[in-house]
Amino acid sequence: MKLKRILLKLSGEYLGDENGVGISYEKLEMYSNEILKAYELSTQIAIVIGGGNIFRGLKGSKSGFDRVIGDQIGMLATVINSLALKWSLERKNIKVKVYSAFVVNSYTELYNSQKVIKDLEQGFVCLLSGGTGNPYFTTDTAGALRAIEIKADALLKGTKVDGIYDSDPLKNPKAKLYKTISYKLAIQKNLEVMDITAFTLCQENNMPIIVFNINKKENLVNIIKGNICGTVVKGTVNDGF
């Protein structure tokens, strides 16, 4: 099944250098090129990107930072990353709009799901920054929420591995890759590819999740064409997609 409208969730660390810090021009180019291929299929693309390459609220709180302040800094970091990605995409003649969950005058538009849907239908890639606008919620949860609000066909979670495994494939070479897995089992096994709140939101609203390796060329465009490379999370493993 070809996907017409997607919510792509990316980690902020993927924009960083070899240590996942800062913003790498090469990484921007790499991801922009993959997004361009999807855009050329007339896919409606919304993107939520994290801010961990600049600041991670939860990690900061463990170091003594106030959690609310830390999360606010992290949400601002997602705006910075979205503006950087906007710049890179526009250099490829892609129409882009950046929305934020809170007011950032002159740099972004205030998030409104109906406005985003109209922009998607008019051929804009929409970068949805600022998380949910509230502390204590991850950008995974923001991605799930936005996917539901804009009525995406699926939430695509880009990772550095080929999907969801029963254990960490970077540590266990015998880790098993799931082709499909139910929301219930993903939650029961406490799989760390997304947080439980994000999984639960998708489960309650029947939003399919596709977890895939964003660093492999053509993966994104193949998934949009219906050639799934990764793990599909849905109601039951027997559900159609």
Protein backbone atom coordinates (compact mmCIF):
# COMPACT_ATOMS: atom_id res chain seq x y z
CA MET A 1 0.00 0.00 0.00
CA LYS A 2 1.47 3.35 -1.07
CA LEU A 3 1.58 5.91 1.71
CA LYS A 4 0.11 9.28 0.74
CA ARG A 5 0.72 11.18 3.99
CA ILE A 6 3.40 10.38 6.56
CA LEU A 7 4.77 11.70 9.82
CA LEU A 8 8.52 11.13 9.86
CA LYS A 9 10.11 11.11 13.31
CA LEU A 10 13.86 11.70 13.51
CA SER A 11 16.20 11.88 16.47
CA GLY A 12 18.10 15.12 16.92
CA GLU A 13 21.33 13.19 17.47
CA TYR A 14 21.19 12.06 13.84
CA LEU A 15 21.92 15.64 12.75
CA GLY A 16 25.00 15.80 14.95
CA ASP A 17 28.63 14.89 14.40
CA GLU A 18 30.14 11.46 15.11
CA ASN A 19 29.31 12.06 18.79
CA GLY A 20 25.73 13.13 18.04
CA VAL A 21 26.47 16.75 18.98
CA GLY A 22 25.81 19.96 17.08
CA ILE A 23 24.50 20.16 13.51
CA SER A 24 26.43 18.45 10.72
CA TYR A 25 26.09 19.84 7.19
CA GLU A 26 26.78 16.36 5.80
CA LYS A 27 23.97 14.82 7.86
CA LEU A 28 21.56 17.54 6.79
CA GLU A 29 22.42 16.81 3.18
CA MET A 30 22.01 13.07 3.62
CA TYR A 31 18.57 13.27 5.20
CA SER A 32 17.42 16.03 2.86
CA ASN A 33 18.30 13.87 -0.13
CA GLU A 34 16.21 10.98 1.23
CA ILE A 35 13.30 13.32 1.98
CA LEU A 36 13.59 14.77 -1.54
CA LYS A 37 13.10 11.30 -3.07
CA ALA A 38 9.91 10.88 -1.03
CA TYR A 39 8.76 14.40 -1.91
CA GLU A 40 9.17 13.68 -5.62
CA LEU A 41 6.58 10.90 -5.26
CA SER A 42 4.05 13.62 -4.28
CA THR A 43 4.03 12.27 -0.74
CA GLN A 44 2.63 14.59 1.91
CA ILE A 45 5.43 14.80 4.50
CA ALA A 46 5.34 16.13 8.05
CA ILE A 47 8.47 15.81 10.18
CA VAL A 48 9.06 15.86 13.93
CA ILE A 49 12.72 16.03 14.91
CA GLY A 50 14.19 15.81 18.40
CA GLY A 51 16.70 18.16 20.01
CA GLY A 52 19.10 15.76 21.70
CA ASN A 53 22.08 16.95 19.64
CA ILE A 54 21.73 20.30 21.40
CA PHE A 55 20.15 19.52 24.77
CA ARG A 56 18.21 16.62 26.27
CA GLY A 57 15.90 17.61 29.11
CA LEU A 58 15.77 14.28 30.94
CA LYS A 59 19.54 13.84 30.83
CA GLY A 60 19.96 17.41 32.06
CA SER A 61 17.64 16.78 35.00
CA LYS A 62 19.75 13.82 36.07
CA SER A 63 22.71 16.20 36.22
CA GLY A 64 20.82 18.58 38.49
CA PHE A 65 18.94 20.68 35.92
CA ASP A 66 15.34 21.50 36.77
CA ARG A 67 13.27 19.10 34.63
CA VAL A 68 10.76 21.69 33.44
CA ILE A 69 13.47 24.18 32.45
CA GLY A 70 15.47 21.39 30.83
CA ASP A 71 12.50 20.26 28.76
CA GLN A 72 11.83 23.85 27.71
CA ILE A 73 15.41 24.15 26.48
CA GLY A 74 15.01 20.83 24.67
CA MET A 75 11.83 22.02 22.96
CA LEU A 76 13.64 25.15 21.77
CA ALA A 77 16.40 22.87 20.44
CA THR A 78 13.85 21.14 18.21
CA VAL A 79 13.00 24.53 16.68
CA ILE A 80 16.69 25.10 15.90
CA ASN A 81 16.97 21.68 14.25
CA SER A 82 13.80 22.26 12.25
CA LEU A 83 15.09 25.60 10.95
CA ALA A 84 18.36 23.94 9.92
CA LEU A 85 16.50 21.18 8.09
CA LYS A 86 14.24 23.77 6.46
CA TRP A 87 17.29 25.54 5.08
CA SER A 88 18.68 22.31 3.67
CA LEU A 89 15.38 21.25 2.10
CA GLU A 90 14.72 24.64 0.53
CA ARG A 91 18.11 24.46 -1.19
CA LYS A 92 16.63 21.48 -3.05
CA ASN A 93 13.63 23.55 -4.16
CA ILE A 94 11.27 21.91 -1.68
CA LYS A 95 8.51 24.10 -0.25
CA VAL A 96 8.79 24.05 3.55
CA LYS A 97 6.93 25.49 6.51
CA VAL A 98 8.04 25.29 10.14
CA TYR A 99 5.40 25.12 12.84
CA SER A 100 5.99 25.30 16.57
CA ALA A 101 3.86 24.18 19.52
CA PHE A 102 4.53 27.59 21.10
CA VAL A 103 4.97 31.11 19.77
CA VAL A 104 8.33 31.81 18.12
CA ASN A 105 7.64 35.10 16.41
CA SER A 106 8.90 35.59 12.83
CA TYR A 107 10.68 32.21 12.70
CA THR A 108 7.78 29.74 12.77
CA GLU A 109 4.02 29.53 12.60
CA LEU A 110 1.98 28.46 15.62
CA TYR A 111 0.97 24.81 15.22
CA ASN A 112 -2.59 24.20 14.03
CA SER A 113 -3.44 20.76 12.66
CA GLN A 114 -5.94 22.05 10.10
CA LYS A 115 -3.45 24.57 8.71
CA VAL A 116 -0.80 21.84 8.51
CA ILE A 117 -3.17 19.54 6.60
CA LYS A 118 -3.92 22.33 4.10
CA ASP A 119 -0.21 23.04 3.65
CA LEU A 120 0.53 19.34 3.12
CA GLU A 121 -2.18 19.19 0.48
CA GLN A 122 -0.59 22.20 -1.22
CA GLY A 123 2.79 20.49 -1.48
CA PHE A 124 4.64 21.85 1.56
CA VAL A 125 6.84 19.72 3.78
CA CYS A 126 5.78 20.69 7.29
CA LEU A 127 8.32 20.61 10.13
CA LEU A 128 6.45 20.34 13.43
CA SER A 129 8.76 21.61 16.15
CA GLY A 130 8.47 22.37 19.85
CA GLY A 131 7.39 18.89 20.92
CA THR A 132 3.92 18.94 22.46
CA GLY A 133 4.68 22.34 23.99
CA ASN A 134 4.67 20.76 27.44
CA PRO A 135 7.42 19.37 29.68
CA TYR A 136 7.59 15.68 30.59
CA PHE A 137 6.64 14.56 27.06
CA THR A 138 9.19 13.22 24.59
CA THR A 139 9.37 14.08 20.92
CA ASP A 140 8.34 10.45 20.24
CA THR A 141 5.07 11.25 21.98
CA ALA A 142 4.86 14.51 20.03
CA GLY A 143 5.39 12.56 16.81
CA ALA A 144 2.60 10.11 17.70
CA LEU A 145 0.24 12.94 18.64
CA ARG A 146 0.94 14.94 15.47
CA ALA A 147 0.58 11.85 13.25
CA ILE A 148 -2.88 11.27 14.71
CA GLU A 149 -3.88 14.94 14.47
CA ILE A 150 -2.91 15.32 10.80
CA LYS A 151 -4.46 11.94 9.91
CA ALA A 152 -1.22 10.45 8.60
CA ASP A 153 -1.29 7.02 6.99
CA ALA A 154 1.56 5.97 9.27
CA LEU A 155 4.16 7.20 11.73
CA LEU A 156 7.63 6.43 10.37
CA LYS A 157 10.32 6.26 13.06
CA GLY A 158 13.79 6.58 11.55
CA THR A 159 16.54 4.82 13.54
CA LYS A 160 20.12 3.61 13.08
CA VAL A 161 19.09 -0.07 12.97
CA ASP A 162 16.82 -2.07 10.67
CA GLY A 163 13.76 -2.12 12.92
CA ILE A 164 12.67 -3.45 16.30
CA TYR A 165 14.67 -6.33 17.76
CA ASP A 166 14.10 -8.54 20.80
CA SER A 167 17.39 -7.20 22.19
CA ASP A 168 19.94 -4.55 21.27
CA PRO A 169 21.41 -5.60 17.87
CA LEU A 170 24.46 -3.39 18.48
CA LYS A 171 25.29 -5.52 21.52
CA ASN A 172 23.80 -8.89 20.55
CA PRO A 173 24.64 -10.14 17.04
CA LYS A 174 21.95 -12.84 17.44
CA ALA A 175 19.17 -10.36 18.17
CA LYS A 176 15.91 -11.22 16.38
CA LEU A 177 14.31 -8.65 14.08
CA TYR A 178 10.53 -8.41 14.24
CA LYS A 179 8.85 -7.90 10.87
CA THR A 180 5.58 -7.10 12.62
CA ILE A 181 4.72 -6.69 16.28
CA SER A 182 1.54 -5.64 18.08
CA TYR A 183 1.30 -2.48 20.16
CA LYS A 184 0.43 -4.66 23.15
CA LEU A 185 3.56 -6.79 22.85
CA ALA A 186 5.78 -3.75 22.22
CA ILE A 187 4.45 -2.19 25.42
CA GLN A 188 4.69 -5.43 27.43
CA LYS A 189 8.30 -5.96 26.37
CA ASN A 190 9.10 -2.33 27.17
CA LEU A 191 10.89 -1.94 23.84
CA GLU A 192 12.91 1.24 24.03
CA VAL A 193 12.68 2.28 20.39
CA MET A 194 9.77 4.54 21.43
CA ASP A 195 8.37 5.44 24.82
CA ILE A 196 5.26 3.77 26.21
CA THR A 197 3.16 6.94 25.95
CA ALA A 198 3.83 7.13 22.20
CA PHE A 199 3.03 3.43 21.70
CA THR A 200 -0.19 3.80 23.73
CA LEU A 201 -1.35 6.86 21.77
CA CYS A 202 -0.85 5.00 18.51
CA GLN A 203 -2.59 1.90 19.87
CA GLU A 204 -5.64 3.84 21.04
CA ASN A 205 -5.94 5.61 17.66
CA ASN A 206 -4.94 2.70 15.41
CA MET A 207 -1.94 4.60 14.01
CA PRO A 208 0.53 2.19 12.35
CA ILE A 209 4.19 2.68 13.25
CA ILE A 210 7.01 1.68 10.91
CA VAL A 211 10.46 1.55 12.51
CA PHE A 212 13.27 1.50 9.95
CA ASN A 213 16.90 2.39 9.27
CA ILE A 214 16.89 5.98 8.00
CA ASN A 215 20.62 5.78 7.24
CA LYS A 216 20.16 3.26 4.42
CA LYS A 217 19.56 4.95 1.09
CA GLU A 218 16.15 4.35 -0.52
CA ASN A 219 14.60 2.91 2.67
CA LEU A 220 12.27 5.86 3.15
CA VAL A 221 11.10 5.97 -0.45
CA ASN A 222 10.70 2.18 -0.58
CA ILE A 223 8.44 2.23 2.47
CA ILE A 224 6.32 4.98 0.91
CA LYS A 225 5.98 2.85 -2.21
CA GLY A 226 4.69 -0.01 -0.05
CA ASN A 227 7.89 -2.04 0.10
CA ILE A 228 8.27 -2.30 3.86
CA CYS A 229 11.84 -2.51 5.13
CA GLY A 230 11.72 -2.46 8.89
CA THR A 231 9.21 -3.37 11.60
CA VAL A 232 5.50 -2.59 11.45
CA VAL A 233 3.76 -2.03 14.78
CA LYS A 234 -0.04 -2.40 14.59
CA GLY A 235 -3.06 -3.86 16.40
CA THR A 236 -2.18 -7.51 15.84
CA VAL A 237 0.43 -9.12 13.65
CA ASN A 238 -2.38 -10.46 11.44
CA ASP A 239 -3.89 -7.04 10.73
CA GLY A 240 -3.57 -5.80 7.17
CA PHE A 241 -1.65 -2.62 6.53
